[in-house]
Amino acid sequence: MNARSLRAWCLDRAGAVEEFPFGPRTSVFKVGGKMFALSALDAEPLAVSLKCEPELAAQLRATHPAIAPGYHLNKRHWNTVTLDGSLPDEMLRDMLEDSYDLVVDGLPRSRRPDQT
């Protein structure tokens, strides 16, 4: 996955928006006002921070060198994934989907996007 496909995947989710609260180089993808992905899309190597259930986050970090505790985020709930080619794209898409779903599930019903 490259920066363009990462951005496209994030913006293709229902209700997703891209904002730049940390400056023009850091894309923050949100749904219902809450962040589900964070990436400096022009960085080399490309990395993305994603929300994750705490037990799974720890397991992923122990198993994959490309997955580290969330950079400048709550390390219990966030992982930073370096897209260095060591992880299959399908696994990355699953982690992106899980992050998005965790955030949507935590939103009040009134702020959840219409996913029909």
PDB file of N, CA and C in Angstrom:
ATOM      1  N   MET A   1       0.853  -1.170   0.000  1.00  0.00           N
ATOM      2  CA  MET A   1       0.000   0.000   0.000  1.00  0.00           C
ATOM      3  C   MET A   1       0.900   1.235   0.000  1.00  0.00           C
ATOM      4  N   ASN A   2       0.556   2.188  -0.824  1.00  0.00           N
ATOM      5  CA  ASN A   2       1.308   3.437  -0.872  1.00  0.00           C
ATOM      6  C   ASN A   2       0.459   4.572  -0.300  1.00  0.00           C
ATOM      7  N   ALA A   3       1.017   5.771  -0.269  1.00  0.00           N
ATOM      8  CA  ALA A   3       0.326   6.911   0.348  1.00  0.00           C
ATOM      9  C   ALA A   3      -1.007   7.206  -0.343  1.00  0.00           C
ATOM     10  N   ARG A   4      -1.018   7.133  -1.664  1.00  0.00           N
ATOM     11  CA  ARG A   4      -2.255   7.442  -2.391  1.00  0.00           C
ATOM     12  C   ARG A   4      -3.351   6.434  -2.076  1.00  0.00           C
ATOM     13  N   SER A   5      -2.999   5.143  -2.066  1.00  0.00           N
ATOM     14  CA  SER A   5      -4.016   4.126  -1.786  1.00  0.00           C
ATOM     15  C   SER A   5      -4.446   4.159  -0.317  1.00  0.00           C
ATOM     16  N   LEU A   6      -3.531   4.497   0.600  1.00  0.00           N
ATOM     17  CA  LEU A   6      -3.892   4.643   2.013  1.00  0.00           C
ATOM     18  C   LEU A   6      -4.905   5.771   2.184  1.00  0.00           C
ATOM     19  N   ARG A   7      -4.612   6.916   1.587  1.00  0.00           N
ATOM     20  CA  ARG A   7      -5.520   8.072   1.671  1.00  0.00           C
ATOM     21  C   ARG A   7      -6.879   7.730   1.058  1.00  0.00           C
ATOM     22  N   ALA A   8      -6.865   7.106  -0.117  1.00  0.00           N
ATOM     23  CA  ALA A   8      -8.119   6.745  -0.788  1.00  0.00           C
ATOM     24  C   ALA A   8      -8.933   5.775   0.063  1.00  0.00           C
ATOM     25  N   TRP A   9      -8.270   4.771   0.660  1.00  0.00           N
ATOM     26  CA  TRP A   9      -8.988   3.804   1.482  1.00  0.00           C
ATOM     27  C   TRP A   9      -9.663   4.523   2.647  1.00  0.00           C
ATOM     28  N   CYS A  10      -8.916   5.386   3.332  1.00  0.00           N
ATOM     29  CA  CYS A  10      -9.470   6.083   4.502  1.00  0.00           C
ATOM     30  C   CYS A  10     -10.659   6.955   4.114  1.00  0.00           C
ATOM     31  N   LEU A  11     -10.538   7.703   3.020  1.00  0.00           N
ATOM     32  CA  LEU A  11     -11.610   8.614   2.618  1.00  0.00           C
ATOM     33  C   LEU A  11     -12.806   7.893   2.016  1.00  0.00           C
ATOM     34  N   ASP A  12     -12.641   6.628   1.677  1.00  0.00           N
ATOM     35  CA  ASP A  12     -13.740   5.845   1.122  1.00  0.00           C
ATOM     36  C   ASP A  12     -14.678   5.312   2.207  1.00  0.00           C
ATOM     37  N   ARG A  13     -14.305   5.435   3.471  1.00  0.00           N
ATOM     38  CA  ARG A  13     -15.163   4.985   4.566  1.00  0.00           C
ATOM     39  C   ARG A  13     -16.311   5.980   4.745  1.00  0.00           C
ATOM     40  N   ALA A  14     -17.466   5.474   5.120  1.00  0.00           N
ATOM     41  CA  ALA A  14     -18.646   6.315   5.342  1.00  0.00           C
ATOM     42  C   ALA A  14     -18.353   7.375   6.400  1.00  0.00           C
ATOM     43  N   GLY A  15     -18.615   8.630   6.071  1.00  0.00           N
ATOM     44  CA  GLY A  15     -18.461   9.727   7.017  1.00  0.00           C
ATOM     45  C   GLY A  15     -17.032  10.178   7.258  1.00  0.00           C
ATOM     46  N   ALA A  16     -16.057   9.596   6.569  1.00  0.00           N
ATOM     47  CA  ALA A  16     -14.652   9.931   6.812  1.00  0.00           C
ATOM     48  C   ALA A  16     -14.291  11.283   6.211  1.00  0.00           C
ATOM     49  N   VAL A  17     -13.456  12.013   6.945  1.00  0.00           N
ATOM     50  CA  VAL A  17     -12.916  13.285   6.481  1.00  0.00           C
ATOM     51  C   VAL A  17     -11.420  13.313   6.785  1.00  0.00           C
ATOM     52  N   GLU A  18     -10.709  14.144   6.040  1.00  0.00           N
ATOM     53  CA  GLU A  18      -9.281  14.349   6.263  1.00  0.00           C
ATOM     54  C   GLU A  18      -9.093  15.765   6.797  1.00  0.00           C
ATOM     55  N   GLU A  19      -8.376  15.878   7.894  1.00  0.00           N
ATOM     56  CA  GLU A  19      -8.094  17.172   8.499  1.00  0.00           C
ATOM     57  C   GLU A  19      -6.597  17.277   8.774  1.00  0.00           C
ATOM     58  N   PHE A  20      -6.140  18.493   9.074  1.00  0.00           N
ATOM     59  CA  PHE A  20      -4.713  18.742   9.294  1.00  0.00           C
ATOM     60  C   PHE A  20      -4.481  19.538  10.579  1.00  0.00           C
ATOM     61  N   PRO A  21      -4.928  19.021  11.737  1.00  0.00           N
ATOM     62  CA  PRO A  21      -4.781  19.773  12.988  1.00  0.00           C
ATOM     63  C   PRO A  21      -3.338  19.873  13.482  1.00  0.00           C
ATOM     64  N   PHE A  22      -2.451  19.027  12.974  1.00  0.00           N
ATOM     65  CA  PHE A  22      -1.056  19.022  13.424  1.00  0.00           C
ATOM     66  C   PHE A  22      -0.120  19.640  12.388  1.00  0.00           C
ATOM     67  N   GLY A  23      -0.671  20.341  11.418  1.00  0.00           N
ATOM     68  CA  GLY A  23       0.117  20.968  10.372  1.00  0.00           C
ATOM     69  C   GLY A  23      -0.165  20.348   9.016  1.00  0.00           C
ATOM     70  N   PRO A  24       0.332  20.978   7.959  1.00  0.00           N
ATOM     71  CA  PRO A  24      -0.016  20.576   6.591  1.00  0.00           C
ATOM     72  C   PRO A  24       0.568  19.247   6.138  1.00  0.00           C
ATOM     73  N   ARG A  25       1.489  18.677   6.872  1.00  0.00           N
ATOM     74  CA  ARG A  25       2.132  17.428   6.444  1.00  0.00           C
ATOM     75  C   ARG A  25       1.507  16.187   7.063  1.00  0.00           C
ATOM     76  N   THR A  26       0.669  16.355   8.082  1.00  0.00           N
ATOM     77  CA  THR A  26       0.116  15.197   8.791  1.00  0.00           C
ATOM     78  C   THR A  26      -1.387  15.091   8.555  1.00  0.00           C
ATOM     79  N   SER A  27      -1.773  14.066   7.816  1.00  0.00           N
ATOM     80  CA  SER A  27      -3.189  13.809   7.545  1.00  0.00           C
ATOM     81  C   SER A  27      -3.802  13.074   8.726  1.00  0.00           C
ATOM     82  N   VAL A  28      -4.924  13.596   9.196  1.00  0.00           N
ATOM     83  CA  VAL A  28      -5.680  12.958  10.265  1.00  0.00           C
ATOM     84  C   VAL A  28      -7.036  12.589   9.676  1.00  0.00           C
ATOM     85  N   PHE A  29      -7.330  11.303   9.677  1.00  0.00           N
ATOM     86  CA  PHE A  29      -8.591  10.815   9.137  1.00  0.00           C
ATOM     87  C   PHE A  29      -9.542  10.573  10.299  1.00  0.00           C
ATOM     88  N   LYS A  30     -10.727  11.204  10.200  1.00  0.00           N
ATOM     89  CA  LYS A  30     -11.698  11.151  11.288  1.00  0.00           C
ATOM     90  C   LYS A  30     -13.050  10.680  10.783  1.00  0.00           C
ATOM     91  N   VAL A  31     -13.817  10.155  11.722  1.00  0.00           N
ATOM     92  CA  VAL A  31     -15.220   9.845  11.497  1.00  0.00           C
ATOM     93  C   VAL A  31     -15.963  10.307  12.740  1.00  0.00           C
ATOM     94  N   GLY A  32     -17.046  11.038  12.546  1.00  0.00           N
ATOM     95  CA  GLY A  32     -17.811  11.551  13.684  1.00  0.00           C
ATOM     96  C   GLY A  32     -16.979  12.423  14.600  1.00  0.00           C
ATOM     97  N   GLY A  33     -15.960  13.097  14.062  1.00  0.00           N
ATOM     98  CA  GLY A  33     -15.111  13.974  14.855  1.00  0.00           C
ATOM     99  C   GLY A  33     -14.005  13.273  15.611  1.00  0.00           C
ATOM    100  N   LYS A  34     -13.878  11.958  15.469  1.00  0.00           N
ATOM    101  CA  LYS A  34     -12.867  11.170  16.180  1.00  0.00           C
ATOM    102  C   LYS A  34     -11.864  10.563  15.185  1.00  0.00           C
ATOM    103  N   MET A  35     -10.606  10.572  15.567  1.00  0.00           N
ATOM    104  CA  MET A  35      -9.537  10.078  14.709  1.00  0.00           C
ATOM    105  C   MET A  35      -9.522   8.545  14.642  1.00  0.00           C
ATOM    106  N   PHE A  36      -9.355   8.021  13.407  1.00  0.00           N
ATOM    107  CA  PHE A  36      -9.161   6.577  13.257  1.00  0.00           C
ATOM    108  C   PHE A  36      -7.852   6.246  12.550  1.00  0.00           C
ATOM    109  N   ALA A  37      -7.214   7.230  11.921  1.00  0.00           N
ATOM    110  CA  ALA A  37      -5.912   7.012  11.287  1.00  0.00           C
ATOM    111  C   ALA A  37      -5.162   8.333  11.215  1.00  0.00           C
ATOM    112  N   LEU A  38      -3.842   8.235  11.299  1.00  0.00           N
ATOM    113  CA  LEU A  38      -2.964   9.414  11.305  1.00  0.00           C
ATOM    114  C   LEU A  38      -1.711   9.054  10.528  1.00  0.00           C
ATOM    115  N   SER A  39      -1.333   9.912   9.547  1.00  0.00           N
ATOM    116  CA  SER A  39      -0.151   9.598   8.754  1.00  0.00           C
ATOM    117  C   SER A  39       0.444  10.849   8.129  1.00  0.00           C
ATOM    118  N   ALA A  40       1.757  10.917   8.110  1.00  0.00           N
ATOM    119  CA  ALA A  40       2.469  11.898   7.296  1.00  0.00           C
ATOM    120  C   ALA A  40       2.645  11.217   5.943  1.00  0.00           C
ATOM    121  N   LEU A  41       1.759  11.504   5.012  1.00  0.00           N
ATOM    122  CA  LEU A  41       1.686  10.749   3.764  1.00  0.00           C
ATOM    123  C   LEU A  41       2.901  10.918   2.861  1.00  0.00           C
ATOM    124  N   ASP A  42       3.719  11.937   3.120  1.00  0.00           N
ATOM    125  CA  ASP A  42       4.917  12.117   2.298  1.00  0.00           C
ATOM    126  C   ASP A  42       6.177  11.598   2.993  1.00  0.00           C
ATOM    127  N   ALA A  43       6.019  10.952   4.128  1.00  0.00           N
ATOM    128  CA  ALA A  43       7.170  10.445   4.888  1.00  0.00           C
ATOM    129  C   ALA A  43       7.765   9.208   4.221  1.00  0.00           C
ATOM    130  N   GLU A  44       9.049   9.042   4.408  1.00  0.00           N
ATOM    131  CA  GLU A  44       9.759   7.842   3.958  1.00  0.00           C
ATOM    132  C   GLU A  44      10.475   7.250   5.150  1.00  0.00           C
ATOM    133  N   PRO A  45      10.183   6.060   5.590  1.00  0.00           N
ATOM    134  CA  PRO A  45       9.128   5.204   5.057  1.00  0.00           C
ATOM    135  C   PRO A  45       7.754   5.692   5.527  1.00  0.00           C
ATOM    136  N   LEU A  46       6.764   5.331   4.756  1.00  0.00           N
ATOM    137  CA  LEU A  46       5.390   5.666   5.097  1.00  0.00           C
ATOM    138  C   LEU A  46       4.975   4.883   6.343  1.00  0.00           C
ATOM    139  N   ALA A  47       4.280   5.547   7.257  1.00  0.00           N
ATOM    140  CA  ALA A  47       3.762   4.890   8.460  1.00  0.00           C
ATOM    141  C   ALA A  47       2.365   5.435   8.724  1.00  0.00           C
ATOM    142  N   VAL A  48       1.561   4.651   9.404  1.00  0.00           N
ATOM    143  CA  VAL A  48       0.213   5.073   9.773  1.00  0.00           C
ATOM    144  C   VAL A  48      -0.063   4.613  11.203  1.00  0.00           C
ATOM    145  N   SER A  49      -0.682   5.488  11.984  1.00  0.00           N
ATOM    146  CA  SER A  49      -1.083   5.137  13.346  1.00  0.00           C
ATOM    147  C   SER A  49      -2.556   4.769  13.330  1.00  0.00           C
ATOM    148  N   LEU A  50      -2.869   3.657  13.996  1.00  0.00           N
ATOM    149  CA  LEU A  50      -4.225   3.106  13.975  1.00  0.00           C
ATOM    150  C   LEU A  50      -4.666   2.704  15.368  1.00  0.00           C
ATOM    151  N   LYS A  51      -5.940   2.879  15.635  1.00  0.00           N
ATOM    152  CA  LYS A  51      -6.518   2.452  16.902  1.00  0.00           C
ATOM    153  C   LYS A  51      -6.632   0.922  16.885  1.00  0.00           C
ATOM    154  N   CYS A  52      -6.482   0.313  18.064  1.00  0.00           N
ATOM    155  CA  CYS A  52      -6.497  -1.150  18.147  1.00  0.00           C
ATOM    156  C   CYS A  52      -6.933  -1.555  19.550  1.00  0.00           C
ATOM    157  N   GLU A  53      -7.593  -2.686  19.657  1.00  0.00           N
ATOM    158  CA  GLU A  53      -7.931  -3.201  20.976  1.00  0.00           C
ATOM    159  C   GLU A  53      -6.634  -3.512  21.712  1.00  0.00           C
ATOM    160  N   PRO A  54      -6.529  -3.174  22.994  1.00  0.00           N
ATOM    161  CA  PRO A  54      -5.261  -3.280  23.719  1.00  0.00           C
ATOM    162  C   PRO A  54      -4.576  -4.645  23.658  1.00  0.00           C
ATOM    163  N   GLU A  55      -5.315  -5.724  23.832  1.00  0.00           N
ATOM    164  CA  GLU A  55      -4.688  -7.050  23.817  1.00  0.00           C
ATOM    165  C   GLU A  55      -4.135  -7.383  22.438  1.00  0.00           C
ATOM    166  N   LEU A  56      -4.898  -7.059  21.408  1.00  0.00           N
ATOM    167  CA  LEU A  56      -4.452  -7.306  20.042  1.00  0.00           C
ATOM    168  C   LEU A  56      -3.269  -6.402  19.705  1.00  0.00           C
ATOM    169  N   ALA A  57      -3.301  -5.157  20.168  1.00  0.00           N
ATOM    170  CA  ALA A  57      -2.192  -4.225  19.906  1.00  0.00           C
ATOM    171  C   ALA A  57      -0.882  -4.801  20.427  1.00  0.00           C
ATOM    172  N   ALA A  58      -0.896  -5.305  21.635  1.00  0.00           N
ATOM    173  CA  ALA A  58       0.310  -5.883  22.230  1.00  0.00           C
ATOM    174  C   ALA A  58       0.763  -7.121  21.463  1.00  0.00           C
ATOM    175  N   GLN A  59      -0.184  -7.948  21.063  1.00  0.00           N
ATOM    176  CA  GLN A  59       0.149  -9.167  20.318  1.00  0.00           C
ATOM    177  C   GLN A  59       0.771  -8.821  18.962  1.00  0.00           C
ATOM    178  N   LEU A  60       0.205  -7.838  18.269  1.00  0.00           N
ATOM    179  CA  LEU A  60       0.747  -7.438  16.970  1.00  0.00           C
ATOM    180  C   LEU A  60       2.168  -6.893  17.106  1.00  0.00           C
ATOM    181  N   ARG A  61       2.405  -6.094  18.137  1.00  0.00           N
ATOM    182  CA  ARG A  61       3.742  -5.534  18.364  1.00  0.00           C
ATOM    183  C   ARG A  61       4.771  -6.631  18.636  1.00  0.00           C
ATOM    184  N   ALA A  62       4.361  -7.651  19.381  1.00  0.00           N
ATOM    185  CA  ALA A  62       5.273  -8.741  19.728  1.00  0.00           C
ATOM    186  C   ALA A  62       5.587  -9.626  18.526  1.00  0.00           C
ATOM    187  N   THR A  63       4.692  -9.633  17.553  1.00  0.00           N
ATOM    188  CA  THR A  63       4.815 -10.535  16.415  1.00  0.00           C
ATOM    189  C   THR A  63       5.446  -9.894  15.178  1.00  0.00           C
ATOM    190  N   HIS A  64       5.265  -8.573  15.018  1.00  0.00           N
ATOM    191  CA  HIS A  64       5.690  -7.903  13.783  1.00  0.00           C
ATOM    192  C   HIS A  64       6.586  -6.703  14.094  1.00  0.00           C
ATOM    193  N   PRO A  65       7.829  -6.722  13.670  1.00  0.00           N
ATOM    194  CA  PRO A  65       8.735  -5.599  13.921  1.00  0.00           C
ATOM    195  C   PRO A  65       8.252  -4.264  13.326  1.00  0.00           C
ATOM    196  N   ALA A  66       7.412  -4.316  12.285  1.00  0.00           N
ATOM    197  CA  ALA A  66       6.918  -3.098  11.644  1.00  0.00           C
ATOM    198  C   ALA A  66       5.800  -2.432  12.444  1.00  0.00           C
ATOM    199  N   ILE A  67       5.354  -3.062  13.524  1.00  0.00           N
ATOM    200  CA  ILE A  67       4.270  -2.511  14.341  1.00  0.00           C
ATOM    201  C   ILE A  67       4.838  -2.133  15.703  1.00  0.00           C
ATOM    202  N   ALA A  68       4.668  -0.851  16.052  1.00  0.00           N
ATOM    203  CA  ALA A  68       5.216  -0.308  17.298  1.00  0.00           C
ATOM    204  C   ALA A  68       4.109   0.418  18.064  1.00  0.00           C
ATOM    205  N   PRO A  69       4.342   0.696  19.340  1.00  0.00           N
ATOM    206  CA  PRO A  69       3.363   1.496  20.087  1.00  0.00           C
ATOM    207  C   PRO A  69       3.113   2.823  19.380  1.00  0.00           C
ATOM    208  N   GLY A  70       1.895   3.324  19.476  1.00  0.00           N
ATOM    209  CA  GLY A  70       1.520   4.558  18.797  1.00  0.00           C
ATOM    210  C   GLY A  70       2.443   5.720  19.130  1.00  0.00           C
ATOM    211  N   TYR A  71       2.968   6.351  18.110  1.00  0.00           N
ATOM    212  CA  TYR A  71       3.876   7.485  18.262  1.00  0.00           C
ATOM    213  C   TYR A  71       3.080   8.708  18.690  1.00  0.00           C
ATOM    214  N   HIS A  72       3.396   9.255  19.860  1.00  0.00           N
ATOM    215  CA  HIS A  72       2.708  10.418  20.444  1.00  0.00           C
ATOM    216  C   HIS A  72       1.218  10.164  20.662  1.00  0.00           C
ATOM    217  N   LEU A  73       0.846   8.916  20.898  1.00  0.00           N
ATOM    218  CA  LEU A  73      -0.554   8.546  21.135  1.00  0.00           C
ATOM    219  C   LEU A  73      -0.615   7.631  22.344  1.00  0.00           C
ATOM    220  N   ASN A  74      -1.823   7.343  22.813  1.00  0.00           N
ATOM    221  CA  ASN A  74      -2.008   6.410  23.912  1.00  0.00           C
ATOM    222  C   ASN A  74      -1.528   5.036  23.455  1.00  0.00           C
ATOM    223  N   LYS A  75      -0.416   4.606  23.995  1.00  0.00           N
ATOM    224  CA  LYS A  75       0.229   3.385  23.525  1.00  0.00           C
ATOM    225  C   LYS A  75      -0.566   2.127  23.836  1.00  0.00           C
ATOM    226  N   ARG A  76      -1.504   2.225  24.720  1.00  0.00           N
ATOM    227  CA  ARG A  76      -2.348   1.063  25.015  1.00  0.00           C
ATOM    228  C   ARG A  76      -3.353   0.814  23.893  1.00  0.00           C
ATOM    229  N   HIS A  77      -3.809   1.898  23.251  1.00  0.00           N
ATOM    230  CA  HIS A  77      -4.885   1.801  22.258  1.00  0.00           C
ATOM    231  C   HIS A  77      -4.453   2.078  20.822  1.00  0.00           C
ATOM    232  N   TRP A  78      -3.206   2.498  20.624  1.00  0.00           N
ATOM    233  CA  TRP A  78      -2.764   2.879  19.282  1.00  0.00           C
ATOM    234  C   TRP A  78      -1.457   2.195  18.911  1.00  0.00           C
ATOM    235  N   ASN A  79      -1.372   1.764  17.656  1.00  0.00           N
ATOM    236  CA  ASN A  79      -0.144   1.223  17.083  1.00  0.00           C
ATOM    237  C   ASN A  79       0.274   2.114  15.912  1.00  0.00           C
ATOM    238  N   THR A  80       1.570   2.237  15.706  1.00  0.00           N
ATOM    239  CA  THR A  80       2.094   2.869  14.507  1.00  0.00           C
ATOM    240  C   THR A  80       2.687   1.766  13.649  1.00  0.00           C
ATOM    241  N   VAL A  81       2.200   1.683  12.423  1.00  0.00           N
ATOM    242  CA  VAL A  81       2.575   0.626  11.493  1.00  0.00           C
ATOM    243  C   VAL A  81       3.449   1.225  10.398  1.00  0.00           C
ATOM    244  N   THR A  82       4.672   0.736  10.276  1.00  0.00           N
ATOM    245  CA  THR A  82       5.564   1.173   9.202  1.00  0.00           C
ATOM    246  C   THR A  82       5.294   0.314   7.978  1.00  0.00           C
ATOM    247  N   LEU A  83       4.999   0.989   6.869  1.00  0.00           N
ATOM    248  CA  LEU A  83       4.672   0.277   5.632  1.00  0.00           C
ATOM    249  C   LEU A  83       5.960   0.018   4.851  1.00  0.00           C
ATOM    250  N   ASP A  84       6.693  -0.958   5.312  1.00  0.00           N
ATOM    251  CA  ASP A  84       8.002  -1.272   4.743  1.00  0.00           C
ATOM    252  C   ASP A  84       7.965  -2.506   3.847  1.00  0.00           C
ATOM    253  N   GLY A  85       6.764  -2.995   3.564  1.00  0.00           N
ATOM    254  CA  GLY A  85       6.616  -4.174   2.716  1.00  0.00           C
ATOM    255  C   GLY A  85       6.625  -5.490   3.468  1.00  0.00           C
ATOM    256  N   SER A  86       6.861  -5.444   4.778  1.00  0.00           N
ATOM    257  CA  SER A  86       6.924  -6.691   5.541  1.00  0.00           C
ATOM    258  C   SER A  86       5.546  -7.231   5.921  1.00  0.00           C
ATOM    259  N   LEU A  87       4.525  -6.393   5.838  1.00  0.00           N
ATOM    260  CA  LEU A  87       3.160  -6.825   6.161  1.00  0.00           C
ATOM    261  C   LEU A  87       2.334  -6.904   4.880  1.00  0.00           C
ATOM    262  N   PRO A  88       1.534  -7.937   4.721  1.00  0.00           N
ATOM    263  CA  PRO A  88       0.674  -8.017   3.541  1.00  0.00           C
ATOM    264  C   PRO A  88      -0.349  -6.878   3.533  1.00  0.00           C
ATOM    265  N   ASP A  89      -0.693  -6.392   2.336  1.00  0.00           N
ATOM    266  CA  ASP A  89      -1.692  -5.327   2.218  1.00  0.00           C
ATOM    267  C   ASP A  89      -3.016  -5.720   2.860  1.00  0.00           C
ATOM    268  N   GLU A  90      -3.377  -6.983   2.751  1.00  0.00           N
ATOM    269  CA  GLU A  90      -4.639  -7.451   3.339  1.00  0.00           C
ATOM    270  C   GLU A  90      -4.628  -7.255   4.858  1.00  0.00           C
ATOM    271  N   MET A  91      -3.491  -7.533   5.492  1.00  0.00           N
ATOM    272  CA  MET A  91      -3.375  -7.347   6.944  1.00  0.00           C
ATOM    273  C   MET A  91      -3.505  -5.865   7.299  1.00  0.00           C
ATOM    274  N   LEU A  92      -2.883  -5.010   6.516  1.00  0.00           N
ATOM    275  CA  LEU A  92      -2.991  -3.576   6.757  1.00  0.00           C
ATOM    276  C   LEU A  92      -4.431  -3.111   6.586  1.00  0.00           C
ATOM    277  N   ARG A  93      -5.101  -3.574   5.534  1.00  0.00           N
ATOM    278  CA  ARG A  93      -6.509  -3.204   5.341  1.00  0.00           C
ATOM    279  C   ARG A  93      -7.366  -3.679   6.510  1.00  0.00           C
ATOM    280  N   ASP A  94      -7.083  -4.869   7.043  1.00  0.00           N
ATOM    281  CA  ASP A  94      -7.820  -5.367   8.211  1.00  0.00           C
ATOM    282  C   ASP A  94      -7.598  -4.456   9.422  1.00  0.00           C
ATOM    283  N   MET A  95      -6.354  -4.016   9.628  1.00  0.00           N
ATOM    284  CA  MET A  95      -6.065  -3.123  10.760  1.00  0.00           C
ATOM    285  C   MET A  95      -6.739  -1.766  10.567  1.00  0.00           C
ATOM    286  N   LEU A  96      -6.758  -1.263   9.336  1.00  0.00           N
ATOM    287  CA  LEU A  96      -7.452  -0.006   9.037  1.00  0.00           C
ATOM    288  C   LEU A  96      -8.946  -0.150   9.319  1.00  0.00           C
ATOM    289  N   GLU A  97      -9.521  -1.237   8.853  1.00  0.00           N
ATOM    290  CA  GLU A  97     -10.951  -1.497   9.061  1.00  0.00           C
ATOM    291  C   GLU A  97     -11.276  -1.608  10.548  1.00  0.00           C
ATOM    292  N   ASP A  98     -10.431  -2.332  11.286  1.00  0.00           N
ATOM    293  CA  ASP A  98     -10.640  -2.473  12.728  1.00  0.00           C
ATOM    294  C   ASP A  98     -10.586  -1.116  13.419  1.00  0.00           C
ATOM    295  N   SER A  99      -9.636  -0.270  13.039  1.00  0.00           N
ATOM    296  CA  SER A  99      -9.510   1.050  13.645  1.00  0.00           C
ATOM    297  C   SER A  99     -10.764   1.877  13.382  1.00  0.00           C
ATOM    298  N   TYR A 100     -11.191   1.906  12.140  1.00  0.00           N
ATOM    299  CA  TYR A 100     -12.402   2.643  11.772  1.00  0.00           C
ATOM    300  C   TYR A 100     -13.609   2.116  12.554  1.00  0.00           C
ATOM    301  N   ASP A 101     -13.770   0.791  12.593  1.00  0.00           N
ATOM    302  CA  ASP A 101     -14.916   0.196  13.287  1.00  0.00           C
ATOM    303  C   ASP A 101     -14.891   0.493  14.786  1.00  0.00           C
ATOM    304  N   LEU A 102     -13.710   0.442  15.406  1.00  0.00           N
ATOM    305  CA  LEU A 102     -13.606   0.756  16.842  1.00  0.00           C
ATOM    306  C   LEU A 102     -14.080   2.183  17.123  1.00  0.00           C
ATOM    307  N   VAL A 103     -13.684   3.100  16.264  1.00  0.00           N
ATOM    308  CA  VAL A 103     -14.077   4.498  16.468  1.00  0.00           C
ATOM    309  C   VAL A 103     -15.578   4.663  16.242  1.00  0.00           C
ATOM    310  N   VAL A 104     -16.095   4.100  15.156  1.00  0.00           N
ATOM    311  CA  VAL A 104     -17.537   4.214  14.872  1.00  0.00           C
ATOM    312  C   VAL A 104     -18.352   3.589  16.001  1.00  0.00           C
ATOM    313  N   ASP A 105     -17.934   2.420  16.472  1.00  0.00           N
ATOM    314  CA  ASP A 105     -18.672   1.747  17.542  1.00  0.00           C
ATOM    315  C   ASP A 105     -18.686   2.562  18.834  1.00  0.00           C
ATOM    316  N   GLY A 106     -17.683   3.393  19.033  1.00  0.00           N
ATOM    317  CA  GLY A 106     -17.613   4.225  20.237  1.00  0.00           C
ATOM    318  C   GLY A 106     -18.368   5.540  20.132  1.00  0.00           C
ATOM    319  N   LEU A 107     -18.876   5.847  18.945  1.00  0.00           N
ATOM    320  CA  LEU A 107     -19.614   7.092  18.754  1.00  0.00           C
ATOM    321  C   LEU A 107     -21.057   6.952  19.226  1.00  0.00           C
ATOM    322  N   PRO A 108     -21.633   8.046  19.726  1.00  0.00           N
ATOM    323  CA  PRO A 108     -23.076   8.013  19.995  1.00  0.00           C
ATOM    324  C   PRO A 108     -23.819   7.763  18.674  1.00  0.00           C
ATOM    325  N   ARG A 109     -24.941   7.098  18.747  1.00  0.00           N
ATOM    326  CA  ARG A 109     -25.693   6.776  17.519  1.00  0.00           C
ATOM    327  C   ARG A 109     -25.941   8.003  16.650  1.00  0.00           C
ATOM    328  N   SER A 110     -26.163   9.138  17.263  1.00  0.00           N
ATOM    329  CA  SER A 110     -26.454  10.349  16.503  1.00  0.00           C
ATOM    330  C   SER A 110     -25.277  10.824  15.672  1.00  0.00           C
ATOM    331  N   ARG A 111     -24.057  10.388  15.993  1.00  0.00           N
ATOM    332  CA  ARG A 111     -22.863  10.824  15.252  1.00  0.00           C
ATOM    333  C   ARG A 111     -22.301   9.730  14.358  1.00  0.00           C
ATOM    334  N   ARG A 112     -22.927   8.570  14.345  1.00  0.00           N
ATOM    335  CA  ARG A 112     -22.450   7.482  13.483  1.00  0.00           C
ATOM    336  C   ARG A 112     -22.863   7.767  12.044  1.00  0.00           C
ATOM    337  N   PRO A 113     -21.973   7.459  11.091  1.00  0.00           N
ATOM    338  CA  PRO A 113     -22.335   7.689   9.694  1.00  0.00           C
ATOM    339  C   PRO A 113     -23.382   6.691   9.236  1.00  0.00           C
ATOM    340  N   ASP A 114     -24.182   7.117   8.260  1.00  0.00           N
ATOM    341  CA  ASP A 114     -25.154   6.224   7.632  1.00  0.00           C
ATOM    342  C   ASP A 114     -24.382   5.295   6.716  1.00  0.00           C
ATOM    343  N   GLN A 115     -24.371   4.009   7.025  1.00  0.00           N
ATOM    344  CA  GLN A 115     -23.575   3.055   6.247  1.00  0.00           C
ATOM    345  C   GLN A 115     -24.440   2.198   5.337  1.00  0.00           C
ATOM    346  N   THR A 116     -25.552   2.730   4.918  1.00  0.00           N
ATOM    347  CA  THR A 116     -26.423   1.945   4.023  1.00  0.00           C
ATOM    348  C   THR A 116     -26.057   2.135   2.581  1.00  0.00           C
TER     349      THR A 116
END
